[in-house]
Amino acid sequence: MPLKSDIIIDAGKFDPANKPERVNKFNEAIITMFNSAVDWYEVGAAKYRQMRWAGETGFPVPPISPQGINVTIPSRESGRYIPCRVMYPTSRATEQDRKKSKGSILHFHGGGWTLGDERSQDALLQTFADAGDLAVVSVGYRLAPEDPFPKAPEDCMDAAEYLVKTSEREYGGPLEFIGGESAGAHLTLTTIFQLLKLYPDFKLSGVLLSCGCYDMTHLPQFRDMLNAPVLPQKQTLRFMDAFLPNTSLQQKKEPSVSPFYEDLSKLRGRLPSALFTCGTEDPLLDDTVLMGTRWMMAGGEAMVKIYTGAPHGFILFPPEVLEEARICLLDTKTYIQERLAAAS
């Protein structure tokens, strides 16, 4: 028999020749839009956040669903509460019905640890809620530069511990999934690794990781892709500097900062199933592929799904606008349903 590799990659997924022309045009339009829009660091993060909700940044205002419910979760700091937003399954219209949901998903939004909030992604979270009959709790963690590392990870951990303890009572079942996009995927992994270390019996049905940043010291695609659609390098570096001010290269390699450097051998046999999704026009593509591979090397189940030509954060675009977003949403829905079925 011919010799076969132990690691198999579908190289066609990564071949630029296979990018659909419609995606190329979409990416070009996104680059043009970003080039004509104000950058957040030009006006300051606080001002930019206000401008975004006022429709003054050149980008669409995130649609707010009337089904979303604003709540708070206590933080580790006495008297301070973390703003959160809950999306329930569409089929559960009354408070009594909501208590009969099958459990919860904990979600951390993206935005470079600097922008975004718990209200930014109602439509996406409604999809997740309906896919698994689960309540989705999105966390409004503290943002840089006003609150740099470790404030965001602390808030995410506080929210996770709260749901571990209260999900059955408040949402009809256990905490089943933790997930996020971009910076939210980074915060997902730092949170999960803490939970696995602190709680020997901690389990999840799955992890939802979309286009995450797992190595703050920059992997090759990030260094080489200067003008990526959605996430040009100069903007990402500003995000990282705001989140990690005055941080040395060695400090950035600490697992609490860059989850890529976590010693996964100590978590062998305990890593939950994880879905990694990313587009090939994302400067963080290497983060997804390499983190997913390390996950599998440590004995964890990792589903790594790559979408040819898709830019950073593509799952957040309307599915009727970007076909890759529609496919990724379907893949995520399938993953949620399959993992819940396997756990039942």
C-alpha atoms as a PDB file:
ATOM      1  CA  MET A   1       0.000   0.000   0.000  1.00  0.00           C
ATOM      2  CA  PRO A   2       1.226   3.534  -0.702  1.00  0.00           C
ATOM      3  CA  LEU A   3       2.339   5.595   2.267  1.00  0.00           C
ATOM      4  CA  LYS A   4      -0.389   7.954   3.538  1.00  0.00           C
ATOM      5  CA  SER A   5      -0.109  11.071   5.623  1.00  0.00           C
ATOM      6  CA  ASP A   6      -1.540  11.049   9.130  1.00  0.00           C
ATOM      7  CA  ILE A   7      -2.764  14.607   8.602  1.00  0.00           C
ATOM      8  CA  ILE A   8      -4.920  15.280   5.541  1.00  0.00           C
ATOM      9  CA  ILE A   9      -5.761  18.752   4.189  1.00  0.00           C
ATOM     10  CA  ASP A  10      -8.095  19.548   1.320  1.00  0.00           C
ATOM     11  CA  ALA A  11      -5.663  21.871  -0.466  1.00  0.00           C
ATOM     12  CA  GLY A  12      -8.359  22.928  -2.906  1.00  0.00           C
ATOM     13  CA  LYS A  13     -10.087  24.833  -0.112  1.00  0.00           C
ATOM     14  CA  PHE A  14      -7.042  27.107   0.144  1.00  0.00           C
ATOM     15  CA  ASP A  15      -6.280  27.516  -3.559  1.00  0.00           C
ATOM     16  CA  PRO A  16      -6.873  31.143  -4.673  1.00  0.00           C
ATOM     17  CA  ALA A  17      -7.858  29.823  -8.101  1.00  0.00           C
ATOM     18  CA  ASN A  18     -10.971  28.322  -6.516  1.00  0.00           C
ATOM     19  CA  LYS A  19     -12.320  31.592  -5.106  1.00  0.00           C
ATOM     20  CA  PRO A  20     -15.718  32.344  -6.674  1.00  0.00           C
ATOM     21  CA  GLU A  21     -15.739  35.590  -8.642  1.00  0.00           C
ATOM     22  CA  ARG A  22     -18.765  36.816  -6.688  1.00  0.00           C
ATOM     23  CA  VAL A  23     -16.704  36.533  -3.476  1.00  0.00           C
ATOM     24  CA  ASN A  24     -13.822  38.439  -5.063  1.00  0.00           C
ATOM     25  CA  LYS A  25     -16.234  41.255  -5.935  1.00  0.00           C
ATOM     26  CA  PHE A  26     -17.699  41.167  -2.445  1.00  0.00           C
ATOM     27  CA  ASN A  27     -14.237  41.466  -0.876  1.00  0.00           C
ATOM     28  CA  GLU A  28     -13.284  44.317  -3.193  1.00  0.00           C
ATOM     29  CA  ALA A  29     -16.423  46.187  -2.182  1.00  0.00           C
ATOM     30  CA  ILE A  30     -15.627  45.636   1.495  1.00  0.00           C
ATOM     31  CA  ILE A  31     -12.084  46.969   1.045  1.00  0.00           C
ATOM     32  CA  THR A  32     -13.436  50.037  -0.738  1.00  0.00           C
ATOM     33  CA  MET A  33     -15.939  50.594   2.061  1.00  0.00           C
ATOM     34  CA  PHE A  34     -13.278  50.317   4.758  1.00  0.00           C
ATOM     35  CA  ASN A  35     -10.927  52.661   2.885  1.00  0.00           C
ATOM     36  CA  SER A  36     -13.577  55.354   2.779  1.00  0.00           C
ATOM     37  CA  ALA A  37     -14.729  54.943   6.395  1.00  0.00           C
ATOM     38  CA  VAL A  38     -13.267  56.504   9.515  1.00  0.00           C
ATOM     39  CA  ASP A  39     -11.030  54.209  11.590  1.00  0.00           C
ATOM     40  CA  TRP A  40     -11.929  53.774  15.239  1.00  0.00           C
ATOM     41  CA  TYR A  41      -8.499  54.862  16.461  1.00  0.00           C
ATOM     42  CA  GLU A  42      -8.789  58.166  14.570  1.00  0.00           C
ATOM     43  CA  VAL A  43     -11.715  59.314  16.716  1.00  0.00           C
ATOM     44  CA  GLY A  44     -11.194  57.134  19.788  1.00  0.00           C
ATOM     45  CA  ALA A  45     -12.939  53.913  20.705  1.00  0.00           C
ATOM     46  CA  ALA A  46     -15.611  55.481  22.914  1.00  0.00           C
ATOM     47  CA  LYS A  47     -16.613  57.999  20.266  1.00  0.00           C
ATOM     48  CA  TYR A  48     -16.564  55.369  17.519  1.00  0.00           C
ATOM     49  CA  ARG A  49     -18.926  53.127  19.489  1.00  0.00           C
ATOM     50  CA  GLN A  50     -21.411  56.006  19.696  1.00  0.00           C
ATOM     51  CA  MET A  51     -20.974  56.753  16.007  1.00  0.00           C
ATOM     52  CA  ARG A  52     -21.620  53.128  15.115  1.00  0.00           C
ATOM     53  CA  TRP A  53     -25.016  53.063  16.797  1.00  0.00           C
ATOM     54  CA  ALA A  54     -25.818  56.454  15.263  1.00  0.00           C
ATOM     55  CA  GLY A  55     -25.020  55.149  11.771  1.00  0.00           C
ATOM     56  CA  GLU A  56     -22.093  57.545  11.344  1.00  0.00           C
ATOM     57  CA  THR A  57     -19.262  55.087  10.609  1.00  0.00           C
ATOM     58  CA  GLY A  58     -20.182  54.146   7.045  1.00  0.00           C
ATOM     59  CA  PHE A  59     -21.350  50.691   8.103  1.00  0.00           C
ATOM     60  CA  PRO A  60     -24.884  49.433   8.760  1.00  0.00           C
ATOM     61  CA  VAL A  61     -26.220  49.786  12.280  1.00  0.00           C
ATOM     62  CA  PRO A  62     -26.589  46.309  13.868  1.00  0.00           C
ATOM     63  CA  PRO A  63     -30.263  45.337  13.817  1.00  0.00           C
ATOM     64  CA  ILE A  64     -31.810  44.973  17.254  1.00  0.00           C
ATOM     65  CA  SER A  65     -34.351  42.182  17.729  1.00  0.00           C
ATOM     66  CA  PRO A  66     -37.429  42.894  19.846  1.00  0.00           C
ATOM     67  CA  GLN A  67     -37.043  39.348  21.191  1.00  0.00           C
ATOM     68  CA  GLY A  68     -33.752  40.144  22.927  1.00  0.00           C
ATOM     69  CA  ILE A  69     -33.875  40.605  26.685  1.00  0.00           C
ATOM     70  CA  ASN A  70     -31.274  42.641  28.576  1.00  0.00           C
ATOM     71  CA  VAL A  71     -30.074  41.125  31.847  1.00  0.00           C
ATOM     72  CA  THR A  72     -27.068  41.422  34.147  1.00  0.00           C
ATOM     73  CA  ILE A  73     -24.695  38.900  35.700  1.00  0.00           C
ATOM     74  CA  PRO A  74     -22.735  39.627  38.893  1.00  0.00           C
ATOM     75  CA  SER A  75     -19.000  40.145  38.488  1.00  0.00           C
ATOM     76  CA  ARG A  76     -16.211  39.240  40.900  1.00  0.00           C
ATOM     77  CA  GLU A  77     -16.110  42.914  41.925  1.00  0.00           C
ATOM     78  CA  SER A  78     -18.578  43.730  44.668  1.00  0.00           C
ATOM     79  CA  GLY A  79     -21.460  45.860  43.437  1.00  0.00           C
ATOM     80  CA  ARG A  80     -20.562  45.622  39.736  1.00  0.00           C
ATOM     81  CA  TYR A  81     -22.709  43.772  37.216  1.00  0.00           C
ATOM     82  CA  ILE A  82     -21.910  42.625  33.678  1.00  0.00           C
ATOM     83  CA  PRO A  83     -24.503  43.622  31.034  1.00  0.00           C
ATOM     84  CA  CYS A  84     -25.727  40.661  28.999  1.00  0.00           C
ATOM     85  CA  ARG A  85     -28.414  39.968  26.420  1.00  0.00           C
ATOM     86  CA  VAL A  86     -30.482  36.798  26.126  1.00  0.00           C
ATOM     87  CA  MET A  87     -31.976  35.456  22.911  1.00  0.00           C
ATOM     88  CA  TYR A  88     -34.510  32.671  23.428  1.00  0.00           C
ATOM     89  CA  PRO A  89     -35.726  30.199  20.790  1.00  0.00           C
ATOM     90  CA  THR A  90     -38.401  31.773  18.589  1.00  0.00           C
ATOM     91  CA  SER A  91     -40.797  28.973  19.521  1.00  0.00           C
ATOM     92  CA  ARG A  92     -40.646  29.931  23.201  1.00  0.00           C
ATOM     93  CA  ALA A  93     -42.692  33.099  23.359  1.00  0.00           C
ATOM     94  CA  THR A  94     -43.753  33.141  27.025  1.00  0.00           C
ATOM     95  CA  GLU A  95     -41.684  33.239  30.196  1.00  0.00           C
ATOM     96  CA  GLN A  96     -43.037  29.825  31.177  1.00  0.00           C
ATOM     97  CA  ASP A  97     -41.987  28.364  27.822  1.00  0.00           C
ATOM     98  CA  ARG A  98     -38.516  29.874  28.124  1.00  0.00           C
ATOM     99  CA  LYS A  99     -37.896  28.021  31.367  1.00  0.00           C
ATOM    100  CA  LYS A 100     -38.360  24.827  29.348  1.00  0.00           C
ATOM    101  CA  SER A 101     -35.498  25.525  26.948  1.00  0.00           C
ATOM    102  CA  LYS A 102     -32.936  22.734  26.737  1.00  0.00           C
ATOM    103  CA  GLY A 103     -30.136  24.789  28.231  1.00  0.00           C
ATOM    104  CA  SER A 104     -27.873  27.638  27.223  1.00  0.00           C
ATOM    105  CA  ILE A 105     -25.111  28.885  24.954  1.00  0.00           C
ATOM    106  CA  LEU A 106     -22.635  31.432  26.305  1.00  0.00           C
ATOM    107  CA  HIS A 107     -21.515  33.885  23.630  1.00  0.00           C
ATOM    108  CA  PHE A 108     -18.654  36.395  23.475  1.00  0.00           C
ATOM    109  CA  HIS A 109     -18.926  39.019  20.721  1.00  0.00           C
ATOM    110  CA  GLY A 110     -16.118  40.146  18.431  1.00  0.00           C
ATOM    111  CA  GLY A 111     -14.745  43.625  17.820  1.00  0.00           C
ATOM    112  CA  GLY A 112     -11.040  43.438  18.571  1.00  0.00           C
ATOM    113  CA  TRP A 113     -11.597  43.533  22.376  1.00  0.00           C
ATOM    114  CA  THR A 114     -12.351  47.221  21.702  1.00  0.00           C
ATOM    115  CA  LEU A 115     -15.644  47.518  19.810  1.00  0.00           C
ATOM    116  CA  GLY A 116     -18.976  45.705  19.793  1.00  0.00           C
ATOM    117  CA  ASP A 117     -21.253  44.772  22.668  1.00  0.00           C
ATOM    118  CA  GLU A 118     -23.833  42.234  23.760  1.00  0.00           C
ATOM    119  CA  ARG A 119     -26.459  43.789  21.439  1.00  0.00           C
ATOM    120  CA  SER A 120     -24.397  43.605  18.258  1.00  0.00           C
ATOM    121  CA  GLN A 121     -25.356  40.179  16.937  1.00  0.00           C
ATOM    122  CA  ASP A 122     -29.013  39.456  17.658  1.00  0.00           C
ATOM    123  CA  ALA A 123     -29.701  37.803  14.277  1.00  0.00           C
ATOM    124  CA  LEU A 124     -26.770  35.402  14.546  1.00  0.00           C
ATOM    125  CA  LEU A 125     -27.623  34.462  18.105  1.00  0.00           C
ATOM    126  CA  GLN A 126     -31.263  33.882  17.197  1.00  0.00           C
ATOM    127  CA  THR A 127     -30.052  31.321  14.655  1.00  0.00           C
ATOM    128  CA  PHE A 128     -28.061  29.545  17.359  1.00  0.00           C
ATOM    129  CA  ALA A 129     -30.985  29.635  19.784  1.00  0.00           C
ATOM    130  CA  ASP A 130     -33.409  28.153  17.261  1.00  0.00           C
ATOM    131  CA  ALA A 131     -30.915  25.502  16.124  1.00  0.00           C
ATOM    132  CA  GLY A 132     -30.673  23.878  19.545  1.00  0.00           C
ATOM    133  CA  ASP A 133     -33.744  25.111  21.433  1.00  0.00           C
ATOM    134  CA  LEU A 134     -31.277  26.883  23.708  1.00  0.00           C
ATOM    135  CA  ALA A 135     -31.131  30.311  25.339  1.00  0.00           C
ATOM    136  CA  VAL A 136     -28.123  32.299  24.122  1.00  0.00           C
ATOM    137  CA  VAL A 137     -26.497  34.621  26.640  1.00  0.00           C
ATOM    138  CA  SER A 138     -24.244  37.252  25.041  1.00  0.00           C
ATOM    139  CA  VAL A 139     -21.789  38.970  27.385  1.00  0.00           C
ATOM    140  CA  GLY A 140     -21.053  42.701  27.382  1.00  0.00           C
ATOM    141  CA  TYR A 141     -17.530  42.324  28.721  1.00  0.00           C
ATOM    142  CA  ARG A 142     -15.375  45.387  29.441  1.00  0.00           C
ATOM    143  CA  LEU A 143     -13.565  46.856  26.450  1.00  0.00           C
ATOM    144  CA  ALA A 144     -10.123  48.262  25.764  1.00  0.00           C
ATOM    145  CA  PRO A 145      -8.507  50.738  25.784  1.00  0.00           C
ATOM    146  CA  GLU A 146     -10.456  51.888  28.846  1.00  0.00           C
ATOM    147  CA  ASP A 147     -10.261  48.393  30.341  1.00  0.00           C
ATOM    148  CA  PRO A 148      -7.351  46.421  28.846  1.00  0.00           C
ATOM    149  CA  PHE A 149      -6.299  42.846  29.618  1.00  0.00           C
ATOM    150  CA  PRO A 150      -7.230  41.099  31.892  1.00  0.00           C
ATOM    151  CA  LYS A 151     -10.606  42.823  32.347  1.00  0.00           C
ATOM    152  CA  ALA A 152     -12.411  41.211  29.375  1.00  0.00           C
ATOM    153  CA  PRO A 153     -11.251  37.663  30.251  1.00  0.00           C
ATOM    154  CA  GLU A 154     -12.283  38.255  33.866  1.00  0.00           C
ATOM    155  CA  ASP A 155     -15.816  39.254  32.846  1.00  0.00           C
ATOM    156  CA  CYS A 156     -16.094  36.287  30.498  1.00  0.00           C
ATOM    157  CA  MET A 157     -14.946  33.907  33.209  1.00  0.00           C
ATOM    158  CA  ASP A 158     -17.387  35.412  35.705  1.00  0.00           C
ATOM    159  CA  ALA A 159     -20.248  34.942  33.244  1.00  0.00           C
ATOM    160  CA  ALA A 160     -19.176  31.368  32.502  1.00  0.00           C
ATOM    161  CA  GLU A 161     -19.001  30.390  36.172  1.00  0.00           C
ATOM    162  CA  TYR A 162     -22.401  31.968  36.744  1.00  0.00           C
ATOM    163  CA  LEU A 163     -23.977  29.937  33.932  1.00  0.00           C
ATOM    164  CA  VAL A 164     -22.284  26.725  35.035  1.00  0.00           C
ATOM    165  CA  LYS A 165     -24.048  27.181  38.370  1.00  0.00           C
ATOM    166  CA  THR A 166     -27.399  28.633  37.269  1.00  0.00           C
ATOM    167  CA  SER A 167     -28.180  27.520  33.709  1.00  0.00           C
ATOM    168  CA  GLU A 168     -30.361  24.580  34.757  1.00  0.00           C
ATOM    169  CA  ARG A 169     -32.479  26.826  36.954  1.00  0.00           C
ATOM    170  CA  GLU A 170     -32.678  29.838  34.648  1.00  0.00           C
ATOM    171  CA  TYR A 171     -32.606  28.298  31.175  1.00  0.00           C
ATOM    172  CA  GLY A 172     -34.101  24.843  31.562  1.00  0.00           C
ATOM    173  CA  GLY A 173     -30.883  22.868  31.131  1.00  0.00           C
ATOM    174  CA  PRO A 174     -27.097  22.972  31.450  1.00  0.00           C
ATOM    175  CA  LEU A 175     -24.594  25.226  29.747  1.00  0.00           C
ATOM    176  CA  GLU A 176     -24.139  23.315  26.491  1.00  0.00           C
ATOM    177  CA  PHE A 177     -21.912  25.519  24.296  1.00  0.00           C
ATOM    178  CA  ILE A 178     -19.508  28.418  24.597  1.00  0.00           C
ATOM    179  CA  GLY A 179     -18.539  30.364  21.502  1.00  0.00           C
ATOM    180  CA  GLY A 180     -17.672  33.595  19.788  1.00  0.00           C
ATOM    181  CA  GLU A 181     -16.267  35.289  16.728  1.00  0.00           C
ATOM    182  CA  SER A 182     -12.805  36.855  16.313  1.00  0.00           C
ATOM    183  CA  ALA A 183     -11.873  38.370  19.702  1.00  0.00           C
ATOM    184  CA  GLY A 184     -14.857  36.469  21.066  1.00  0.00           C
ATOM    185  CA  ALA A 185     -13.331  33.177  19.921  1.00  0.00           C
ATOM    186  CA  HIS A 186     -10.087  34.134  21.678  1.00  0.00           C
ATOM    187  CA  LEU A 187     -12.034  34.834  24.881  1.00  0.00           C
ATOM    188  CA  THR A 188     -13.903  31.568  24.454  1.00  0.00           C
ATOM    189  CA  LEU A 189     -10.695  29.543  24.600  1.00  0.00           C
ATOM    190  CA  THR A 190      -9.146  31.453  27.496  1.00  0.00           C
ATOM    191  CA  THR A 191     -12.397  30.916  29.411  1.00  0.00           C
ATOM    192  CA  ILE A 192     -12.719  27.218  28.596  1.00  0.00           C
ATOM    193  CA  PHE A 193      -9.141  26.480  29.596  1.00  0.00           C
ATOM    194  CA  GLN A 194      -9.754  28.156  32.976  1.00  0.00           C
ATOM    195  CA  LEU A 195     -12.976  26.197  33.493  1.00  0.00           C
ATOM    196  CA  LEU A 196     -11.283  22.888  32.663  1.00  0.00           C
ATOM    197  CA  LYS A 197      -8.557  23.594  35.219  1.00  0.00           C
ATOM    198  CA  LEU A 198     -10.867  24.779  37.981  1.00  0.00           C
ATOM    199  CA  TYR A 199     -13.706  22.278  37.599  1.00  0.00           C
ATOM    200  CA  PRO A 200     -12.648  18.616  37.175  1.00  0.00           C
ATOM    201  CA  ASP A 201     -16.182  17.613  36.132  1.00  0.00           C
ATOM    202  CA  PHE A 202     -16.726  20.478  33.699  1.00  0.00           C
ATOM    203  CA  LYS A 203     -18.173  19.357  30.368  1.00  0.00           C
ATOM    204  CA  LEU A 204     -19.673  20.974  27.297  1.00  0.00           C
ATOM    205  CA  SER A 205     -21.541  19.603  24.321  1.00  0.00           C
ATOM    206  CA  GLY A 206     -19.381  21.763  22.065  1.00  0.00           C
ATOM    207  CA  VAL A 207     -17.399  24.906  21.347  1.00  0.00           C
ATOM    208  CA  LEU A 208     -18.191  27.388  18.547  1.00  0.00           C
ATOM    209  CA  LEU A 209     -15.049  29.161  17.315  1.00  0.00           C
ATOM    210  CA  SER A 210     -15.282  31.474  14.323  1.00  0.00           C
ATOM    211  CA  CYS A 211     -12.186  33.191  12.847  1.00  0.00           C
ATOM    212  CA  GLY A 212     -10.459  33.481  16.203  1.00  0.00           C
ATOM    213  CA  CYS A 213      -7.153  35.079  17.146  1.00  0.00           C
ATOM    214  CA  TYR A 214      -5.260  32.534  19.233  1.00  0.00           C
ATOM    215  CA  ASP A 215      -1.639  33.716  18.927  1.00  0.00           C
ATOM    216  CA  MET A 216      -1.026  37.370  19.811  1.00  0.00           C
ATOM    217  CA  THR A 217       2.519  37.159  18.414  1.00  0.00           C
ATOM    218  CA  HIS A 218       1.225  36.774  14.833  1.00  0.00           C
ATOM    219  CA  LEU A 219       1.313  33.693  12.632  1.00  0.00           C
ATOM    220  CA  PRO A 220       2.513  33.830   8.986  1.00  0.00           C
ATOM    221  CA  GLN A 221      -0.766  34.635   7.216  1.00  0.00           C
ATOM    222  CA  PHE A 222      -1.317  37.566   9.535  1.00  0.00           C
ATOM    223  CA  ARG A 223       2.155  38.939   8.851  1.00  0.00           C
ATOM    224  CA  ASP A 224       1.828  38.462   5.086  1.00  0.00           C
ATOM    225  CA  MET A 225      -1.741  39.721   4.531  1.00  0.00           C
ATOM    226  CA  LEU A 226      -1.513  43.492   4.897  1.00  0.00           C
ATOM    227  CA  ASN A 227      -4.764  44.634   3.271  1.00  0.00           C
ATOM    228  CA  ALA A 228      -7.239  41.898   4.070  1.00  0.00           C
ATOM    229  CA  PRO A 229     -10.929  42.736   3.636  1.00  0.00           C
ATOM    230  CA  VAL A 230     -12.622  43.582   6.957  1.00  0.00           C
ATOM    231  CA  LEU A 231      -9.407  43.216   8.991  1.00  0.00           C
ATOM    232  CA  PRO A 232      -6.425  45.097   7.524  1.00  0.00           C
ATOM    233  CA  GLN A 233      -3.216  44.561   9.458  1.00  0.00           C
ATOM    234  CA  LYS A 234      -2.856  48.151  10.695  1.00  0.00           C
ATOM    235  CA  GLN A 235      -6.276  47.962  12.342  1.00  0.00           C
ATOM    236  CA  THR A 236      -5.597  44.609  14.004  1.00  0.00           C
ATOM    237  CA  LEU A 237      -2.330  45.887  15.449  1.00  0.00           C
ATOM    238  CA  ARG A 238      -4.205  48.846  16.929  1.00  0.00           C
ATOM    239  CA  PHE A 239      -6.728  46.467  18.490  1.00  0.00           C
ATOM    240  CA  MET A 240      -3.964  44.366  20.011  1.00  0.00           C
ATOM    241  CA  ASP A 241      -2.091  47.392  21.332  1.00  0.00           C
ATOM    242  CA  ALA A 242      -5.267  48.653  22.988  1.00  0.00           C
ATOM    243  CA  PHE A 243      -5.978  45.270  24.570  1.00  0.00           C
ATOM    244  CA  LEU A 244      -2.367  44.520  25.546  1.00  0.00           C
ATOM    245  CA  PRO A 245      -0.617  47.833  26.217  1.00  0.00           C
ATOM    246  CA  ASN A 246       3.061  47.692  27.182  1.00  0.00           C
ATOM    247  CA  THR A 247       3.165  43.916  26.799  1.00  0.00           C
ATOM    248  CA  SER A 248       6.392  42.167  25.819  1.00  0.00           C
ATOM    249  CA  LEU A 249       6.665  39.430  23.216  1.00  0.00           C
ATOM    250  CA  GLN A 250       7.280  36.855  25.919  1.00  0.00           C
ATOM    251  CA  GLN A 251       4.260  38.025  27.900  1.00  0.00           C
ATOM    252  CA  LYS A 252       2.109  37.692  24.775  1.00  0.00           C
ATOM    253  CA  LYS A 253       3.066  34.010  24.634  1.00  0.00           C
ATOM    254  CA  GLU A 254       1.553  33.324  28.039  1.00  0.00           C
ATOM    255  CA  PRO A 255      -1.395  30.907  27.564  1.00  0.00           C
ATOM    256  CA  SER A 256      -3.692  33.299  29.418  1.00  0.00           C
ATOM    257  CA  VAL A 257      -2.979  35.825  26.658  1.00  0.00           C
ATOM    258  CA  SER A 258      -2.431  33.549  23.637  1.00  0.00           C
ATOM    259  CA  PRO A 259      -4.405  30.308  24.063  1.00  0.00           C
ATOM    260  CA  PHE A 260      -2.395  28.779  21.195  1.00  0.00           C
ATOM    261  CA  TYR A 261       0.390  28.221  23.748  1.00  0.00           C
ATOM    262  CA  GLU A 262      -1.780  26.342  26.251  1.00  0.00           C
ATOM    263  CA  ASP A 263      -0.294  22.975  27.259  1.00  0.00           C
ATOM    264  CA  LEU A 264      -3.077  20.821  25.842  1.00  0.00           C
ATOM    265  CA  SER A 265      -1.360  17.604  26.923  1.00  0.00           C
ATOM    266  CA  LYS A 266      -2.596  18.327  30.450  1.00  0.00           C
ATOM    267  CA  LEU A 267      -6.160  18.465  29.142  1.00  0.00           C
ATOM    268  CA  ARG A 268      -6.036  15.226  27.137  1.00  0.00           C
ATOM    269  CA  GLY A 269      -9.281  13.334  27.487  1.00  0.00           C
ATOM    270  CA  ARG A 270     -11.140  16.426  28.695  1.00  0.00           C
ATOM    271  CA  LEU A 271     -11.203  18.752  25.691  1.00  0.00           C
ATOM    272  CA  PRO A 272     -14.773  19.251  24.460  1.00  0.00           C
ATOM    273  CA  SER A 273     -15.717  18.888  20.827  1.00  0.00           C
ATOM    274  CA  ALA A 274     -14.983  22.101  18.919  1.00  0.00           C
ATOM    275  CA  LEU A 275     -16.122  23.601  15.624  1.00  0.00           C
ATOM    276  CA  PHE A 276     -13.489  25.879  14.056  1.00  0.00           C
ATOM    277  CA  THR A 277     -14.658  27.999  11.097  1.00  0.00           C
ATOM    278  CA  CYS A 278     -12.680  30.486   9.002  1.00  0.00           C
ATOM    279  CA  GLY A 279     -12.423  31.956   5.503  1.00  0.00           C
ATOM    280  CA  THR A 280      -9.285  31.841   3.384  1.00  0.00           C
ATOM    281  CA  GLU A 281      -9.169  35.642   3.004  1.00  0.00           C
ATOM    282  CA  ASP A 282      -8.827  36.028   6.745  1.00  0.00           C
ATOM    283  CA  PRO A 283      -5.434  37.061   8.175  1.00  0.00           C
ATOM    284  CA  LEU A 284      -6.232  34.787  11.115  1.00  0.00           C
ATOM    285  CA  LEU A 285      -6.584  31.664   8.959  1.00  0.00           C
ATOM    286  CA  ASP A 286      -3.409  30.091  10.364  1.00  0.00           C
ATOM    287  CA  ASP A 287      -4.753  30.574  13.885  1.00  0.00           C
ATOM    288  CA  THR A 288      -7.790  28.451  13.057  1.00  0.00           C
ATOM    289  CA  VAL A 289      -5.981  25.701  11.143  1.00  0.00           C
ATOM    290  CA  LEU A 290      -3.122  25.326  13.621  1.00  0.00           C
ATOM    291  CA  MET A 291      -5.279  25.596  16.753  1.00  0.00           C
ATOM    292  CA  GLY A 292      -7.677  23.028  15.336  1.00  0.00           C
ATOM    293  CA  THR A 293      -4.774  20.714  14.544  1.00  0.00           C
ATOM    294  CA  ARG A 294      -3.322  21.082  18.055  1.00  0.00           C
ATOM    295  CA  TRP A 295      -6.794  20.303  19.435  1.00  0.00           C
ATOM    296  CA  MET A 296      -6.889  17.025  17.519  1.00  0.00           C
ATOM    297  CA  MET A 297      -3.293  16.166  18.473  1.00  0.00           C
ATOM    298  CA  ALA A 298      -4.359  16.418  22.127  1.00  0.00           C
ATOM    299  CA  GLY A 299      -7.184  13.939  21.546  1.00  0.00           C
ATOM    300  CA  GLY A 300     -10.025  16.411  21.196  1.00  0.00           C
ATOM    301  CA  GLU A 301     -12.627  16.287  18.463  1.00  0.00           C
ATOM    302  CA  ALA A 302     -12.184  19.255  16.148  1.00  0.00           C
ATOM    303  CA  MET A 303     -14.271  20.057  13.115  1.00  0.00           C
ATOM    304  CA  VAL A 304     -12.270  22.527  11.010  1.00  0.00           C
ATOM    305  CA  LYS A 305     -14.395  24.067   8.251  1.00  0.00           C
ATOM    306  CA  ILE A 306     -12.786  26.396   5.710  1.00  0.00           C
ATOM    307  CA  TYR A 307     -14.714  28.659   3.321  1.00  0.00           C
ATOM    308  CA  THR A 308     -12.823  29.590   0.164  1.00  0.00           C
ATOM    309  CA  GLY A 309     -12.569  33.325  -0.400  1.00  0.00           C
ATOM    310  CA  ALA A 310     -14.525  34.329   2.703  1.00  0.00           C
ATOM    311  CA  PRO A 311     -13.188  37.325   4.694  1.00  0.00           C
ATOM    312  CA  HIS A 312     -12.788  37.790   8.419  1.00  0.00           C
ATOM    313  CA  GLY A 313     -16.042  37.661  10.356  1.00  0.00           C
ATOM    314  CA  PHE A 314     -17.978  36.469   7.312  1.00  0.00           C
ATOM    315  CA  ILE A 315     -20.510  34.549   9.425  1.00  0.00           C
ATOM    316  CA  LEU A 316     -21.834  37.936  10.585  1.00  0.00           C
ATOM    317  CA  PHE A 317     -22.797  39.073   7.090  1.00  0.00           C
ATOM    318  CA  PRO A 318     -26.429  38.525   6.017  1.00  0.00           C
ATOM    319  CA  PRO A 319     -26.737  35.049   4.454  1.00  0.00           C
ATOM    320  CA  GLU A 320     -28.670  36.509   1.534  1.00  0.00           C
ATOM    321  CA  VAL A 321     -25.677  38.753   0.770  1.00  0.00           C
ATOM    322  CA  LEU A 322     -22.835  36.251   1.147  1.00  0.00           C
ATOM    323  CA  GLU A 323     -23.338  32.589   0.251  1.00  0.00           C
ATOM    324  CA  GLU A 324     -20.421  31.499   2.440  1.00  0.00           C
ATOM    325  CA  ALA A 325     -22.168  33.009   5.455  1.00  0.00           C
ATOM    326  CA  ARG A 326     -25.302  30.994   4.662  1.00  0.00           C
ATOM    327  CA  ILE A 327     -23.297  27.770   4.348  1.00  0.00           C
ATOM    328  CA  CYS A 328     -21.390  28.435   7.566  1.00  0.00           C
ATOM    329  CA  LEU A 329     -24.621  29.107   9.439  1.00  0.00           C
ATOM    330  CA  LEU A 330     -26.006  25.800   8.182  1.00  0.00           C
ATOM    331  CA  ASP A 331     -22.809  24.000   9.190  1.00  0.00           C
ATOM    332  CA  THR A 332     -22.986  25.559  12.653  1.00  0.00           C
ATOM    333  CA  LYS A 333     -26.646  24.636  13.016  1.00  0.00           C
ATOM    334  CA  THR A 334     -25.852  21.040  12.015  1.00  0.00           C
ATOM    335  CA  TYR A 335     -22.969  20.923  14.490  1.00  0.00           C
ATOM    336  CA  ILE A 336     -25.147  22.178  17.357  1.00  0.00           C
ATOM    337  CA  GLN A 337     -27.860  19.629  16.595  1.00  0.00           C
ATOM    338  CA  GLU A 338     -25.431  16.736  16.161  1.00  0.00           C
ATOM    339  CA  ARG A 339     -23.599  17.515  19.391  1.00  0.00           C
ATOM    340  CA  LEU A 340     -26.849  17.759  21.371  1.00  0.00           C
ATOM    341  CA  ALA A 341     -27.995  14.451  19.893  1.00  0.00           C
ATOM    342  CA  ALA A 342     -24.695  12.807  20.826  1.00  0.00           C
ATOM    343  CA  ALA A 343     -24.964  14.096  24.392  1.00  0.00           C
ATOM    344  CA  SER A 344     -28.541  12.918  24.914  1.00  0.00           C
END
